[in-house]
């Protein structure tokens, strides 16, 4: 199959037309168009703050605990080296 025989589907996506004006009328894959149509417009500040708070309450303690375990592991490796 030669590249000349491949038909290009028309592009109805506003994102492709906005950011890639040279690609008007062309589309690389149909999934991109579906993603563009299904993306939410925006979230409220209340929802953004709720998600941020949830991340802080769950991930920050986990990250601090793992950092502490990493420190203990590094100290244990130093003590495991035989003294000469």
C-alpha atoms as a PDB file:
ATOM      1  CA  UNK A   1       0.000   0.000   0.000  1.00  0.00           C
ATOM      2  CA  UNK A   2       1.505   3.284  -1.034  1.00  0.00           C
ATOM      3  CA  UNK A   3       1.249   6.440   1.083  1.00  0.00           C
ATOM      4  CA  UNK A   4      -0.613   8.182  -1.746  1.00  0.00           C
ATOM      5  CA  UNK A   5      -3.481   5.675  -1.552  1.00  0.00           C
ATOM      6  CA  UNK A   6      -4.215   6.365   2.124  1.00  0.00           C
ATOM      7  CA  UNK A   7      -7.172   8.690   2.566  1.00  0.00           C
ATOM      8  CA  UNK A   8      -7.068  11.263   5.306  1.00  0.00           C
ATOM      9  CA  UNK A   9     -10.072  11.718   7.561  1.00  0.00           C
ATOM     10  CA  UNK A  10     -11.287  15.299   7.957  1.00  0.00           C
ATOM     11  CA  UNK A  11     -10.365  16.922  11.253  1.00  0.00           C
ATOM     12  CA  UNK A  12     -13.196  18.331  13.329  1.00  0.00           C
ATOM     13  CA  UNK A  13     -11.068  18.830  16.431  1.00  0.00           C
ATOM     14  CA  UNK A  14     -10.664  22.447  17.496  1.00  0.00           C
ATOM     15  CA  UNK A  15      -7.443  21.634  19.386  1.00  0.00           C
ATOM     16  CA  UNK A  16      -5.679  20.397  16.267  1.00  0.00           C
ATOM     17  CA  UNK A  17      -6.808  23.434  14.309  1.00  0.00           C
ATOM     18  CA  UNK A  18      -5.778  25.796  17.105  1.00  0.00           C
ATOM     19  CA  UNK A  19      -2.302  24.413  17.877  1.00  0.00           C
ATOM     20  CA  UNK A  20      -1.376  22.897  14.502  1.00  0.00           C
ATOM     21  CA  UNK A  21      -2.839  25.130  11.801  1.00  0.00           C
ATOM     22  CA  UNK A  22      -0.867  23.327   9.092  1.00  0.00           C
ATOM     23  CA  UNK A  23      -2.723  20.087   9.842  1.00  0.00           C
ATOM     24  CA  UNK A  24      -6.237  21.358   9.127  1.00  0.00           C
ATOM     25  CA  UNK A  25      -8.282  18.653   7.467  1.00  0.00           C
ATOM     26  CA  UNK A  26      -5.935  15.907   8.679  1.00  0.00           C
ATOM     27  CA  UNK A  27      -6.055  13.727  11.763  1.00  0.00           C
ATOM     28  CA  UNK A  28      -3.572  11.150  12.989  1.00  0.00           C
ATOM     29  CA  UNK A  29      -5.926   9.011  15.013  1.00  0.00           C
ATOM     30  CA  UNK A  30      -9.604   8.918  15.931  1.00  0.00           C
ATOM     31  CA  UNK A  31      -8.901   8.542  19.665  1.00  0.00           C
ATOM     32  CA  UNK A  32      -7.533  12.070  19.830  1.00  0.00           C
ATOM     33  CA  UNK A  33     -10.826  13.486  18.636  1.00  0.00           C
ATOM     34  CA  UNK A  34     -12.771  11.420  21.205  1.00  0.00           C
ATOM     35  CA  UNK A  35     -10.455  12.611  23.968  1.00  0.00           C
ATOM     36  CA  UNK A  36     -10.867  16.218  22.903  1.00  0.00           C
ATOM     37  CA  UNK A  37     -14.658  15.936  23.056  1.00  0.00           C
ATOM     38  CA  UNK A  38     -14.763  14.127  26.426  1.00  0.00           C
ATOM     39  CA  UNK A  39     -12.360  16.377  28.334  1.00  0.00           C
ATOM     40  CA  UNK A  40     -14.027  18.390  31.110  1.00  0.00           C
ATOM     41  CA  UNK A  41     -14.086  22.133  30.686  1.00  0.00           C
ATOM     42  CA  UNK A  42     -12.815  23.104  34.139  1.00  0.00           C
ATOM     43  CA  UNK A  43     -13.098  22.347  37.835  1.00  0.00           C
ATOM     44  CA  UNK A  44     -14.240  24.647  40.575  1.00  0.00           C
ATOM     45  CA  UNK A  45     -11.819  26.041  43.136  1.00  0.00           C
ATOM     46  CA  UNK A  46     -13.650  24.059  45.813  1.00  0.00           C
ATOM     47  CA  UNK A  47     -12.996  20.778  44.018  1.00  0.00           C
ATOM     48  CA  UNK A  48      -9.359  21.715  43.341  1.00  0.00           C
ATOM     49  CA  UNK A  49      -8.844  22.451  47.040  1.00  0.00           C
ATOM     50  CA  UNK A  50     -10.510  19.157  48.050  1.00  0.00           C
ATOM     51  CA  UNK A  51      -8.209  17.152  45.770  1.00  0.00           C
ATOM     52  CA  UNK A  52      -5.141  19.073  46.976  1.00  0.00           C
ATOM     53  CA  UNK A  53      -6.087  18.446  50.617  1.00  0.00           C
ATOM     54  CA  UNK A  54      -6.613  14.744  49.969  1.00  0.00           C
ATOM     55  CA  UNK A  55      -3.184  14.509  48.336  1.00  0.00           C
ATOM     56  CA  UNK A  56      -1.564  16.320  51.254  1.00  0.00           C
ATOM     57  CA  UNK A  57      -3.259  14.098  53.843  1.00  0.00           C
ATOM     58  CA  UNK A  58      -2.467  10.801  52.107  1.00  0.00           C
ATOM     59  CA  UNK A  59       0.692  11.197  50.041  1.00  0.00           C
ATOM     60  CA  UNK A  60       2.763  13.542  52.180  1.00  0.00           C
ATOM     61  CA  UNK A  61       2.886  11.246  55.255  1.00  0.00           C
ATOM     62  CA  UNK A  62       3.670   8.282  53.001  1.00  0.00           C
ATOM     63  CA  UNK A  63       6.503  10.164  51.308  1.00  0.00           C
ATOM     64  CA  UNK A  64       7.950  11.265  54.667  1.00  0.00           C
ATOM     65  CA  UNK A  65       7.808   7.706  55.995  1.00  0.00           C
ATOM     66  CA  UNK A  66       9.520   6.315  52.916  1.00  0.00           C
ATOM     67  CA  UNK A  67      12.200   8.994  53.125  1.00  0.00           C
ATOM     68  CA  UNK A  68      12.824   7.967  56.755  1.00  0.00           C
ATOM     69  CA  UNK A  69      13.103   4.303  55.765  1.00  0.00           C
ATOM     70  CA  UNK A  70      15.530   5.278  53.008  1.00  0.00           C
ATOM     71  CA  UNK A  71      17.702   7.096  55.563  1.00  0.00           C
ATOM     72  CA  UNK A  72      17.673   4.105  57.931  1.00  0.00           C
ATOM     73  CA  UNK A  73      18.591   1.802  55.041  1.00  0.00           C
ATOM     74  CA  UNK A  74      21.572   3.989  54.072  1.00  0.00           C
ATOM     75  CA  UNK A  75      22.797   4.086  57.672  1.00  0.00           C
ATOM     76  CA  UNK A  76      22.429   0.297  57.958  1.00  0.00           C
ATOM     77  CA  UNK A  77      24.524  -0.201  54.807  1.00  0.00           C
ATOM     78  CA  UNK A  78      27.304   1.947  56.282  1.00  0.00           C
ATOM     79  CA  UNK A  79      27.292  -0.075  59.524  1.00  0.00           C
ATOM     80  CA  UNK A  80      27.285  -3.359  57.595  1.00  0.00           C
ATOM     81  CA  UNK A  81      30.660  -2.610  55.989  1.00  0.00           C
ATOM     82  CA  UNK A  82      33.363  -4.434  57.968  1.00  0.00           C
ATOM     83  CA  UNK A  83      35.850  -2.176  59.677  1.00  0.00           C
ATOM     84  CA  UNK A  84      39.460  -2.655  58.650  1.00  0.00           C
END
